[in-house]
């Protein structure tokens, strides 16, 4: 079951959900809006390789915005850092206003694990050129519960992520 705003606020008060920085105006009936940081990563190579660390270049989103182009994968991150504990599962989805501009904020990576802590990396792509700005309320985080708390919380390669993270799939090899 998805947590309502009152449930999210209770879990924040009890320490099972953290959102930092927290802005009360970003709370929705059953989600919380997260903002886009001003740094994007773009892969430098036309062909990516799952077995190696792929080269990236960083791009700062200026106050006047940046024009995203179709056919390019932009990696961004949320300004907010989040954490869950207990049996709280975090998930992110794009906001409907963002989707109506043809902006996808994640390809398949909207699912988090109990215990994840850090900034969320977003896989941004667009269907036509779109100008975006730093601090854009780009996605929303919502929460569900597992029936029982898991035996262990998330301790994966992206734990305590600070800023945008490129793929580390090559570490599996």
Foldseek 3Di string as FASTA:
>chain_A
DWDFLVRQVVCVVVPQKDKPPDDVVQHDGFWGFWFWAQKKKWFPDPDDDLQDDTDIDIDGADQVFDKAAAPTKIKTWTPIKMFGAWFKWKFKAWDPVLVVQQKGFADPPRTGWHGAIAIDITTIHGPHIDTDGGGHRTMIMIIDGDPGGDPDTDDDPCGHPYITDDDPSSVVD
